Protein backbone atom coordinates (compact mmCIF):
# COMPACT_ATOMS: atom_id res chain seq x y z
CA MET A 1 -63.56 -45.54 35.75
CA SER A 2 -63.52 -49.12 37.01
CA GLU A 3 -66.50 -50.33 38.41
CA GLU A 4 -64.66 -50.45 41.97
CA GLN A 5 -65.22 -46.59 41.83
CA ARG A 6 -68.47 -45.45 43.51
CA TRP A 7 -68.70 -42.22 44.40
CA LEU A 8 -69.46 -38.97 42.37
CA VAL A 9 -67.93 -35.49 44.45
CA CYS A 10 -69.35 -31.91 43.29
CA PHE A 11 -68.20 -28.81 44.32
CA ASP A 12 -69.39 -25.65 43.80
CA THR A 13 -68.03 -21.83 44.82
CA ASP A 14 -70.50 -20.31 47.27
CA ARG A 15 -71.78 -16.75 46.28
CA ILE A 16 -69.09 -16.11 43.57
CA LYS A 17 -70.89 -12.76 42.67
CA GLN A 18 -71.17 -11.17 45.99
CA TYR A 19 -67.19 -12.31 46.76
CA LEU A 20 -66.06 -10.30 43.55
CA LEU A 21 -68.40 -7.61 43.92
CA ALA A 22 -68.00 -6.64 47.47
CA THR A 23 -65.98 -3.89 47.03
CA ASN A 24 -66.83 -0.79 44.59
CA ARG A 25 -62.68 -1.04 43.31
CA LEU A 26 -61.90 -2.07 39.91
CA LYS A 27 -58.68 -3.48 40.53
CA GLU A 28 -59.83 -5.56 43.80
CA ILE A 29 -62.46 -6.70 41.56
CA ARG A 30 -60.11 -7.47 38.79
CA GLY A 31 -57.84 -9.43 41.54
CA GLY A 32 -60.50 -11.35 42.96
CA SER A 33 -61.64 -12.49 39.26
CA ALA A 34 -57.97 -13.26 38.64
CA LEU A 35 -57.54 -15.38 41.79
CA LEU A 36 -60.69 -17.50 41.10
CA ALA A 37 -59.73 -18.07 37.22
CA ASP A 38 -56.01 -19.18 38.76
CA LEU A 39 -57.92 -21.52 41.30
CA ASP A 40 -60.14 -22.96 39.07
CA GLN A 41 -57.19 -23.81 36.75
CA GLU A 42 -55.57 -25.76 39.57
CA ARG A 43 -58.39 -27.34 40.63
CA LYS A 44 -59.16 -28.61 37.27
CA LYS A 45 -55.29 -30.09 36.62
CA LYS A 46 -54.85 -31.60 40.31
CA LEU A 47 -58.44 -33.61 39.57
CA LYS A 48 -57.09 -34.52 36.09
CA ASP A 49 -53.89 -35.45 37.25
CA ARG A 50 -55.03 -37.40 40.32
CA TYR A 51 -58.21 -39.31 38.75
CA GLY A 52 -57.55 -38.89 35.45
CA LYS A 53 -59.43 -37.44 32.48
CA GLY A 54 -62.00 -40.08 32.53
CA ASN A 55 -63.25 -39.29 35.27
CA LEU A 56 -63.41 -35.42 35.66
CA ALA A 57 -67.19 -34.90 34.42
CA TYR A 58 -66.39 -30.80 34.31
CA SER A 59 -64.51 -28.52 35.84
CA ALA A 60 -65.28 -24.62 34.92
CA GLY A 61 -66.69 -21.40 36.78
CA GLY A 62 -66.10 -22.27 40.23
CA GLY A 63 -67.32 -25.67 40.23
CA ALA A 64 -66.18 -29.15 39.60
CA ALA A 65 -67.38 -33.04 39.23
CA VAL A 66 -65.34 -35.97 39.61
CA LEU A 67 -65.81 -39.53 40.20
CA VAL A 68 -63.55 -41.14 42.97
CA PRO A 69 -62.86 -44.74 44.56
CA THR A 70 -64.27 -44.49 48.01
CA GLU A 71 -66.04 -42.75 50.52
CA GLN A 72 -63.37 -41.92 52.62
CA GLU A 73 -61.16 -40.13 49.54
CA ALA A 74 -64.71 -38.25 48.51
CA GLY A 75 -64.53 -36.82 52.55
CA GLU A 76 -60.82 -35.98 52.39
CA LEU A 77 -60.64 -34.56 49.30
CA ILE A 78 -63.92 -32.23 50.18
CA ALA A 79 -61.96 -31.29 53.29
CA GLU A 80 -58.98 -30.65 51.13
CA ILE A 81 -60.50 -28.72 48.32
CA GLU A 82 -62.64 -26.37 51.02
CA ARG A 83 -59.84 -25.82 53.04
CA GLU A 84 -57.13 -24.60 50.14
CA PHE A 85 -59.81 -22.60 48.61
CA ARG A 86 -60.65 -20.62 51.94
CA ALA A 87 -57.09 -20.17 52.85
CA GLU A 88 -56.37 -18.82 49.42
CA THR A 89 -59.50 -16.09 49.31
CA ILE A 90 -59.65 -15.33 52.92
CA THR A 91 -63.33 -14.71 52.96
CA ALA A 92 -64.87 -16.98 49.99
CA SER A 93 -65.50 -20.74 50.53
CA ILE A 94 -66.40 -23.53 48.36
CA THR A 95 -68.84 -26.56 49.23
CA GLY A 96 -68.29 -30.05 47.92
CA VAL A 97 -70.33 -33.02 48.82
CA SER A 98 -70.14 -36.59 47.85
CA HIS A 99 -72.85 -38.71 46.70
CA PRO A 100 -73.26 -42.83 45.63
CA LEU A 101 -72.87 -43.49 42.23
CA GLY A 102 -73.41 -47.06 41.68
CA ALA A 103 -72.87 -49.02 39.10
CA VAL A 104 -71.29 -46.07 36.24
CA ASN A 105 -73.74 -47.67 33.94
CA GLY A 106 -76.57 -48.24 36.03
CA GLY A 107 -78.98 -45.49 34.95
CA LYS A 108 -78.23 -41.88 33.49
CA PHE A 109 -75.09 -40.07 34.75
CA GLY A 110 -76.57 -36.91 34.74
CA GLU A 111 -79.65 -38.26 36.87
CA ARG A 112 -76.84 -38.57 39.57
CA ILE A 113 -75.28 -35.42 38.99
CA THR A 114 -78.78 -33.72 39.24
CA GLU A 115 -79.15 -35.21 43.13
CA ALA A 116 -75.85 -34.27 43.84
CA GLY A 117 -76.93 -30.80 42.65
CA LYS A 118 -80.15 -30.97 44.80
CA ARG A 119 -77.68 -31.91 48.48
CA LEU A 120 -75.48 -29.42 47.26
CA ARG A 121 -77.84 -26.84 47.41
CA ARG A 122 -78.80 -27.84 50.76
CA VAL A 123 -75.24 -27.82 52.20
CA LYS A 124 -74.94 -24.59 50.66
CA ALA A 125 -78.23 -22.79 51.88
CA ALA A 126 -77.27 -24.24 55.63
CA LYS A 127 -73.67 -22.77 55.20
CA ALA A 128 -75.33 -19.21 54.01
CA GLU A 129 -76.49 -18.79 57.47
CA LEU A 130 -73.10 -18.16 59.00
CA THR A 131 -71.68 -16.05 56.34
CA THR A 132 -70.73 -13.23 58.21
CA LEU A 133 -68.95 -13.21 61.96
CA PRO A 134 -69.98 -10.55 64.37
CA ILE A 135 -67.09 -7.49 64.72
CA GLU A 136 -66.45 -5.82 67.87
CA PRO A 137 -67.14 -1.95 67.76
CA TYR A 138 -63.45 -0.75 68.44
CA LEU A 139 -61.99 -2.42 65.50
CA ARG A 140 -61.57 -0.67 62.15
CA LEU A 141 -63.11 -2.06 59.02
CA CYS A 142 -62.07 -1.93 55.75
CA ASP A 143 -61.90 0.82 53.86
CA SER A 144 -62.79 -1.20 50.70
CA CYS A 145 -65.43 -3.74 51.59
CA GLY A 146 -66.50 -2.08 54.72
CA LYS A 147 -67.32 -6.10 56.05
CA GLN A 148 -64.23 -7.25 57.73
CA PRO A 149 -61.74 -5.77 59.76
CA ALA A 150 -59.10 -3.80 58.92
CA ALA A 151 -55.21 -5.78 58.68
CA ALA A 152 -52.86 -3.92 56.22
CA ARG A 153 -52.27 -0.41 55.17
CA VAL A 154 -52.08 -0.12 51.31
CA SER A 155 -51.60 3.28 49.23
CA GLY A 156 -53.29 5.34 52.36
CA ASP A 157 -56.22 2.79 52.66
CA TRP A 158 -56.70 0.13 55.61
CA LEU A 159 -57.98 -3.33 53.98
CA CYS A 160 -58.94 -6.76 55.11
CA CYS A 161 -57.01 -9.52 54.49
CA SER A 162 -59.30 -10.51 51.69
CA CYS A 163 -59.10 -6.77 49.83
CA ASP A 164 -55.58 -6.77 50.21
CA ARG A 165 -55.41 -10.30 48.40
CA LYS A 166 -57.52 -9.12 45.68
CA CYS A 167 -55.67 -6.10 45.37
CA LYS A 168 -52.21 -7.76 44.77
CA TRP A 169 -53.71 -9.92 42.46
CA GLY A 170 -55.53 -6.81 40.57
CA SER A 171 -51.77 -5.25 40.50
CA LYS A 172 -50.65 -8.06 38.49
CA GLU A 173 -50.17 -7.63 34.73
CA ARG A 174 -52.77 -9.29 32.60
CA GLU A 175 -54.19 -11.53 35.23
CA GLY A 176 -57.43 -14.10 34.44
CA PHE A 177 -59.73 -13.67 31.71
CA PHE A 178 -58.05 -10.83 30.32
CA ASN A 179 -54.44 -12.82 29.75
CA LYS A 180 -56.46 -15.35 28.22
CA PHE A 181 -58.45 -13.28 25.75
CA VAL A 182 -55.19 -11.62 24.68
CA GLU A 183 -53.79 -15.28 23.94
CA TRP A 184 -56.93 -15.92 22.07
CA THR A 185 -56.62 -13.49 19.74
CA ASP A 186 -53.26 -13.88 18.55
CA SER A 187 -52.68 -10.31 17.80
CA GLU A 188 -49.70 -8.15 17.91
CA GLU A 189 -52.62 -5.29 18.48
CA TRP A 190 -53.90 -6.94 21.51
CA GLN A 191 -50.46 -8.03 22.78
CA ARG A 192 -49.70 -3.98 23.38
CA ALA A 193 -53.11 -3.45 24.82
CA ARG A 194 -53.30 -2.10 28.60
CA MET A 195 -56.37 -2.75 30.96
CA ALA A 196 -57.86 0.72 32.68
CA ASN A 197 -56.88 1.39 36.30
CA ASP A 198 -60.28 1.89 37.61
CA LEU A 199 -63.94 2.58 36.11
CA ASP A 200 -63.13 6.19 35.46
CA GLY A 201 -60.21 4.53 32.95
CA ILE A 202 -63.21 2.43 31.21
CA GLY A 203 -65.77 5.90 31.20
CA ALA A 204 -63.27 7.94 29.78
CA LEU A 205 -62.94 5.77 26.39
CA ALA A 206 -66.76 6.29 26.21
CA SER A 207 -68.88 8.25 23.65
CA PRO A 208 -70.50 10.17 25.58
CA PRO A 209 -67.63 10.31 28.20
CA ASN A 210 -67.94 9.14 31.75
CA TYR A 211 -70.56 6.56 30.57
CA VAL A 212 -69.80 2.64 31.65
CA GLY A 213 -72.06 -0.69 31.21
CA PHE A 214 -72.42 -3.46 33.22
CA ILE A 215 -73.66 -6.36 31.60
CA ALA A 216 -74.84 -9.55 33.03
CA LEU A 217 -75.65 -12.65 30.92
CA ASP A 218 -76.95 -16.49 32.01
CA GLY A 219 -78.11 -19.01 29.72
CA ASN A 220 -82.05 -20.46 29.97
CA HIS A 221 -83.21 -23.30 31.24
CA ILE A 222 -80.09 -25.05 31.05
CA GLY A 223 -80.57 -26.78 34.49
CA ASP A 224 -83.26 -28.95 32.81
CA LEU A 225 -80.59 -30.47 30.53
CA LEU A 226 -78.25 -31.77 33.29
CA ASP A 227 -79.85 -34.95 34.12
CA LYS A 228 -80.29 -35.82 29.87
CA PRO A 229 -76.48 -36.97 29.53
CA GLU A 230 -76.34 -40.86 29.99
CA THR A 231 -72.73 -41.08 30.66
CA VAL A 232 -69.65 -39.14 32.00
CA GLU A 233 -68.29 -39.12 28.83
CA GLN A 234 -71.77 -37.02 27.30
CA TYR A 235 -71.78 -35.01 30.51
CA ARG A 236 -68.06 -33.74 29.94
CA ARG A 237 -68.91 -33.05 26.25
CA PHE A 238 -71.64 -31.20 27.51
CA SER A 239 -70.36 -28.82 30.51
CA ASP A 240 -67.09 -28.13 28.25
CA GLY A 241 -68.59 -27.58 25.11
CA LEU A 242 -71.10 -25.01 27.16
CA TYR A 243 -67.83 -23.39 28.79
CA ASP A 244 -65.94 -22.99 25.82
CA LEU A 245 -69.11 -21.70 23.59
CA THR A 246 -69.64 -19.08 26.39
CA GLU A 247 -65.91 -18.26 26.44
CA GLU A 248 -65.48 -18.17 22.68
CA GLN A 249 -68.88 -15.65 21.96
CA THR A 250 -67.69 -13.38 25.11
CA PHE A 251 -64.02 -13.08 23.37
CA THR A 252 -65.48 -12.91 19.74
CA ALA A 253 -67.67 -10.10 20.69
CA LEU A 254 -64.93 -8.21 22.33
CA ARG A 255 -62.51 -8.72 19.74
CA SER A 256 -64.95 -6.91 17.67
CA TYR A 257 -66.34 -4.28 19.80
CA GLY A 258 -63.79 -3.89 22.55
CA ILE A 259 -61.06 -2.28 20.04
CA PRO A 260 -58.54 -0.45 22.21
CA ARG A 261 -58.56 3.30 22.18
CA ARG A 262 -56.85 6.10 23.84
CA ASN A 263 -53.37 4.84 24.72
CA GLU A 264 -54.02 1.43 23.71
CA VAL A 265 -56.10 0.79 26.76
CA ALA A 266 -59.25 -2.02 26.09
CA PRO A 267 -62.49 -0.57 26.72
CA PHE A 268 -63.65 -3.20 28.97
CA GLU A 269 -63.39 -5.55 32.01
CA ILE A 270 -64.05 -9.24 32.00
CA VAL A 271 -65.17 -10.25 35.42
CA LEU A 272 -66.54 -13.43 35.14
CA ILE A 273 -67.05 -16.17 32.52
CA GLY A 274 -69.00 -19.59 34.33
CA GLY A 275 -70.54 -22.27 32.01
CA ASP A 276 -72.94 -19.92 30.81
CA ASP A 277 -72.64 -17.04 32.98
CA VAL A 278 -71.13 -13.88 31.83
CA LEU A 279 -70.44 -10.78 34.16
CA LEU A 280 -68.69 -7.78 32.05
CA ILE A 281 -68.28 -4.12 32.25
CA THR A 282 -67.44 -2.02 29.50
CA ALA A 283 -67.44 1.27 27.64
CA ALA A 284 -71.17 2.75 27.36
CA ASP A 285 -70.95 2.93 23.75
CA ILE A 286 -70.51 -0.82 23.29
CA ALA A 287 -72.38 -2.41 26.12
CA ILE A 288 -75.44 -3.08 24.04
CA GLU A 289 -73.59 -4.50 21.01
CA VAL A 290 -71.59 -7.15 23.20
CA ALA A 291 -74.44 -8.35 24.74
CA LEU A 292 -76.52 -8.78 21.95
CA ALA A 293 -73.60 -10.34 19.79
CA ILE A 294 -72.77 -12.81 23.02
CA ALA A 295 -76.32 -13.90 23.18
CA GLU A 296 -76.72 -14.45 19.53
CA GLY A 297 -73.50 -16.21 19.11
CA PHE A 298 -74.20 -18.43 21.96
CA GLU A 299 -77.69 -19.51 20.52
CA SER A 300 -76.71 -19.74 16.98
CA GLY A 301 -73.31 -22.32 18.08
CA SER A 302 -75.08 -24.10 21.14
CA PRO A 303 -76.41 -26.82 18.37
CA ASP A 304 -73.20 -27.82 17.29
CA LYS A 305 -71.13 -27.08 20.27
CA VAL A 306 -73.02 -27.98 23.21
CA LEU A 307 -75.77 -30.03 22.07
CA GLY A 308 -75.24 -32.35 19.31
CA PRO A 309 -71.37 -33.60 21.23
CA ALA A 310 -73.69 -34.47 24.14
CA GLY A 311 -76.12 -35.95 22.25
CA LEU A 312 -78.99 -34.02 23.40
CA THR A 313 -80.13 -32.35 19.88
CA GLY A 314 -83.45 -34.72 20.26
CA VAL A 315 -84.14 -32.95 23.82
CA ARG A 316 -83.30 -28.96 22.61
CA LYS A 317 -83.18 -28.03 19.22
CA LYS A 318 -80.64 -24.92 20.75
CA LEU A 319 -79.61 -23.09 23.42
CA THR A 320 -80.65 -19.39 24.92
CA MET A 321 -79.68 -16.24 26.78
CA ALA A 322 -81.02 -13.80 28.92
CA GLY A 323 -79.21 -10.61 29.62
CA GLY A 324 -79.58 -7.20 31.81
CA VAL A 325 -77.33 -4.41 30.75
CA VAL A 326 -77.17 -0.82 33.27
CA LEU A 327 -75.64 1.83 31.05
CA ALA A 328 -74.70 4.65 34.51
CA HIS A 329 -72.07 7.19 34.91
CA ALA A 330 -68.39 5.75 36.03
CA ASP A 331 -69.36 6.95 39.41
CA PHE A 332 -72.28 4.88 40.26
CA PRO A 333 -71.53 2.51 42.54
CA ILE A 334 -70.29 -1.21 40.34
CA PRO A 335 -72.38 -3.54 43.29
CA ALA A 336 -75.55 -1.11 42.51
CA MET A 337 -75.01 -1.31 39.00
CA HIS A 338 -74.64 -5.40 39.44
CA GLN A 339 -77.86 -5.63 41.36
CA LEU A 340 -79.56 -4.06 38.91
CA ALA A 341 -77.73 -5.85 36.27
CA GLU A 342 -79.05 -9.49 37.43
CA ASP A 343 -83.31 -8.21 37.97
CA LEU A 344 -83.01 -6.75 34.44
CA GLN A 345 -81.53 -10.34 33.66
CA LYS A 346 -84.67 -11.71 35.78
CA SER A 347 -87.46 -9.42 33.80
CA ALA A 348 -85.21 -10.92 30.20
CA LYS A 349 -85.78 -14.57 31.58
CA LYS A 350 -89.45 -14.15 31.85
CA HIS A 351 -89.90 -12.94 28.62
CA CYS A 352 -87.49 -15.78 27.32
CA ALA A 353 -90.27 -18.16 29.28
CA SER A 354 -93.17 -16.34 27.95
CA GLU A 355 -91.64 -17.58 24.36
CA CYS A 356 -91.07 -20.72 25.22
CA TYR A 357 -87.03 -20.36 25.42
CA GLU A 358 -87.14 -20.41 21.77
CA THR A 359 -85.07 -17.29 21.48
CA GLY A 360 -82.92 -14.94 23.90
CA ALA A 361 -83.87 -11.66 25.43
CA ILE A 362 -81.83 -8.69 26.50
CA ASP A 363 -83.68 -5.98 29.04
CA PHE A 364 -81.67 -2.41 29.57
CA LEU A 365 -81.65 0.63 31.68
CA VAL A 366 -80.43 3.94 31.56
CA VAL A 367 -79.49 5.29 34.83
CA SER A 368 -79.95 9.16 35.33
CA GLY A 369 -80.28 9.18 39.03
CA SER A 370 -79.57 7.75 42.40
CA ASP A 371 -82.10 5.51 42.78
CA THR A 372 -81.31 1.24 42.74
CA ASP A 373 -84.51 0.07 42.62
CA LEU A 374 -85.62 -1.05 39.21
CA GLU A 375 -89.48 -1.30 39.71
CA THR A 376 -89.37 2.18 40.95
CA MET A 377 -87.26 3.57 38.78
CA ARG A 378 -89.50 2.19 35.53
CA LYS A 379 -92.51 2.80 37.22
CA ALA A 380 -93.43 6.37 34.99
CA ILE A 381 -91.62 5.25 31.93
CA PRO A 382 -93.49 4.04 29.17
CA HIS A 383 -91.46 1.55 27.74
CA ARG A 384 -91.35 -1.81 25.47
CA ARG A 385 -88.86 -3.56 27.13
CA PRO A 386 -87.53 -6.28 27.19
CA TYR A 387 -86.52 -6.89 23.66
CA THR A 388 -86.18 -10.40 21.80
CA LEU A 389 -82.65 -10.68 20.26
CA GLU A 390 -84.13 -10.16 16.94
CA LYS A 391 -86.10 -6.85 17.90
CA LEU A 392 -83.09 -5.48 19.72
CA GLY A 393 -81.38 -5.87 16.61
CA CYS A 394 -83.81 -4.15 14.63
CA LEU A 395 -84.23 -1.34 17.41
CA LEU A 396 -80.09 -1.03 16.93
CA THR A 397 -80.31 -0.94 13.24
CA HIS A 398 -83.56 1.96 13.60
CA ILE A 399 -81.06 4.02 15.63
CA ARG A 400 -77.87 3.55 13.29
CA ARG A 401 -79.76 4.59 10.26
CA LEU A 402 -81.59 7.57 12.13
CA LYS A 403 -78.06 8.54 13.03
CA GLU A 404 -76.69 8.33 9.52
CA ALA A 405 -79.58 10.43 8.11
CA ASP A 406 -78.27 12.75 10.98
CA PHE A 407 -82.21 12.62 11.95
CA PRO A 408 -82.69 16.25 14.16
CA MET A 409 -82.23 15.46 18.05
CA SER A 410 -84.89 18.18 18.73
CA GLN A 411 -87.59 16.25 17.27
CA LEU A 412 -86.71 13.24 18.90
CA GLN A 413 -86.54 14.91 22.13
CA ALA A 414 -89.90 16.47 21.70
CA MET A 415 -91.64 13.40 20.99
CA TYR A 416 -90.18 11.40 23.87
CA GLN A 417 -90.85 14.21 26.48
CA ALA A 418 -94.41 14.28 24.87
CA LEU A 419 -94.57 10.21 26.07
CA PHE A 420 -94.31 11.61 29.71
CA GLU A 421 -97.14 14.32 29.50
CA SER A 422 -100.37 12.22 28.36
CA ARG A 423 -101.22 9.38 25.66
CA VAL A 424 -102.93 11.79 23.28
CA ASN A 425 -99.67 14.18 23.58
CA ALA A 426 -97.40 11.81 22.80
CA GLN A 427 -99.66 11.14 19.80
CA LEU A 428 -100.11 14.84 18.80
CA ALA A 429 -96.33 15.07 18.61
CA SER A 430 -95.48 11.77 17.01
CA ILE A 431 -97.63 12.46 14.00
CA ALA A 432 -96.35 16.38 14.12
CA THR A 433 -93.12 15.29 13.41
CA LEU A 434 -94.24 13.09 10.61
CA GLY A 435 -96.22 15.63 8.98
CA TYR A 436 -93.54 17.93 9.20
CA LEU A 437 -90.96 15.45 7.33
CA GLY A 438 -93.60 14.86 5.08
CA ARG A 439 -93.75 17.96 3.79
CA ARG A 440 -90.04 18.26 2.84
CA GLU A 441 -89.40 17.81 -0.54
CA ASP A 442 -86.42 14.89 0.65
CA LYS A 443 -88.81 11.85 1.87
CA ASN A 444 -85.66 10.19 3.53
CA LEU A 445 -86.10 11.15 7.50
CA TYR A 446 -89.66 10.45 7.26
CA SER A 447 -89.53 7.28 5.77
CA ARG A 448 -87.13 6.02 8.34
CA LEU A 449 -89.22 7.41 11.24
CA ARG A 450 -92.67 5.82 9.89
CA HIS A 451 -90.58 2.43 9.02
CA PHE A 452 -89.40 2.55 12.36
CA PHE A 453 -93.04 3.31 13.82
CA SER A 454 -94.31 0.15 11.67
CA ASP A 455 -91.65 -2.25 13.03
CA PHE A 456 -92.63 -1.55 16.48
CA GLY A 457 -96.34 -2.46 16.71
CA VAL A 458 -97.68 0.79 15.13
CA LYS A 459 -100.10 -0.31 11.90
CA PHE A 460 -100.92 3.04 10.40
CA ASP A 461 -104.68 1.56 10.15
CA GLY A 462 -106.46 4.15 12.05
CA GLN A 463 -103.63 3.32 15.01
CA LEU A 464 -101.39 6.43 15.90
CA PRO A 465 -97.79 6.42 16.88
CA PRO A 466 -95.88 6.12 19.00
CA TRP A 467 -97.91 3.34 21.17
CA ASP A 468 -97.57 -0.26 20.72
CA THR A 469 -101.23 -1.47 21.09
CA GLU A 470 -99.90 -5.17 21.34
CA ILE A 471 -97.57 -4.98 24.23
CA GLU A 472 -100.27 -2.62 25.91
CA LYS A 473 -102.78 -5.13 25.64
CA ARG A 474 -100.46 -8.25 27.01
CA GLU A 475 -98.92 -6.12 29.84
CA GLU A 476 -101.41 -3.81 30.53
CA ARG A 477 -99.47 -0.88 30.65
CA PRO A 478 -98.71 2.07 28.28
CA ALA A 479 -95.64 1.26 25.99
CA SER A 480 -93.45 2.51 23.09
CA ALA A 481 -90.35 1.68 21.55
CA LEU A 482 -89.72 5.31 21.01
CA THR A 483 -88.84 5.66 24.44
CA ASP A 484 -86.11 3.14 24.15
CA LEU A 485 -84.89 4.53 20.93
CA VAL A 486 -84.16 7.81 22.60
CA GLU A 487 -82.78 6.85 25.79
CA LEU A 488 -80.45 4.32 23.77
CA TYR A 489 -79.75 6.89 21.09
CA PRO A 490 -76.43 8.51 22.28
CA PHE A 491 -74.68 4.97 23.19
CA ILE A 492 -74.93 3.42 19.97
CA GLN A 493 -72.12 4.19 17.64
CA VAL A 494 -72.17 4.14 13.75
CA LYS A 495 -69.77 3.36 11.37
CA GLY A 496 -66.83 6.26 11.83
CA GLU A 497 -67.88 7.40 15.13
CA ALA A 498 -65.22 6.99 17.27
């Protein structure tokens, strides 16, 4: 951009997840996702054509940043995009702000982005106070979102204009992220694949049946890097690399674990892929592996694909992710699953912070009731969560090894039940199981169980399983990986299972 161009314009979609998950219907969630993805693509093309690729700092995941010549043009561009976005989505909105850039080479470009970002957050916060208009009591509310007045009858339901628009987009074949994924795989098998009609359709593909997983992943401490790129080009390499890496690792994990099942139906739904943000719904028996694979791939690929091209290897060695995974029955409300997954993600982020962001972490929850408050649900559970990626991988390995050895479920359940009785009862049950297995001629099961306890905090130097005293000392609560192993056990497959 020439020296005359002095204005930076930044956009960000408002409450994107609330818009996508305003309803419990998969088709409308899919439609909202596809609509936003299409608007992202159209916006990127418009900005690139109008101002040139060199002036488009980033455009992905519901946001954008572009350099324009004058303050007047900046204001006109903001008004145009905000107006068009509202017209297309009906109830969603996007916020834009402009910021004087000064000389292009006068200071780091990333610092200008950070300054504009602060202003953007202030404007978005002010708009948040006016999100819902009052509705007269005699108006019929939408049967789907329950928030807006109904305006159209669709398959027997009264829908508001927004849900009607989402429903129409969701009825299209392979729109949005799924279409992009199929093109990325370049595979005939995936060309034949179909999307599930609803959450029950995904749950029916799982083992055990009728369970789904909700995955929420987010990069750690990414905001602290936004002011580091010195030029527009470096910032573009950083933002493009971040989005491309997130998308690539999501697609790679789904290709590996989300192979089409009965009637060639894909056991997943891609709700959102942002710059470093991922929301997925999957069959429950692939959710943990998919989340772990994405986070591991993001971490290992970040030096070469994000930090290196942006000249930031001296600032950060690698990028990491935190994630939350909810495993629940297919009739559990999707918005509730999302809220729990976000709470789990926050728990994982705290663990990442305690590790100085040197590793990613994942927290998970198996929902067995109707409660939706994470703290209440966990109060009486002596779990070890969240897990670093390495430790979660270790836990999954132990589950597979025990399943391959056909470990008696009755023994696992007896030890698990004792965890909720008393500390001593749990120790007695674990020692009794080890003793029983140790007296058998074949010591394979004994060896595998003892190895599991050893890997998760039991030293066998006078310390009795199943308690992880290191975690207990640090967090001041009862903790045992046995709880997590037994709860995850039904949802982890070994080779040959279907």
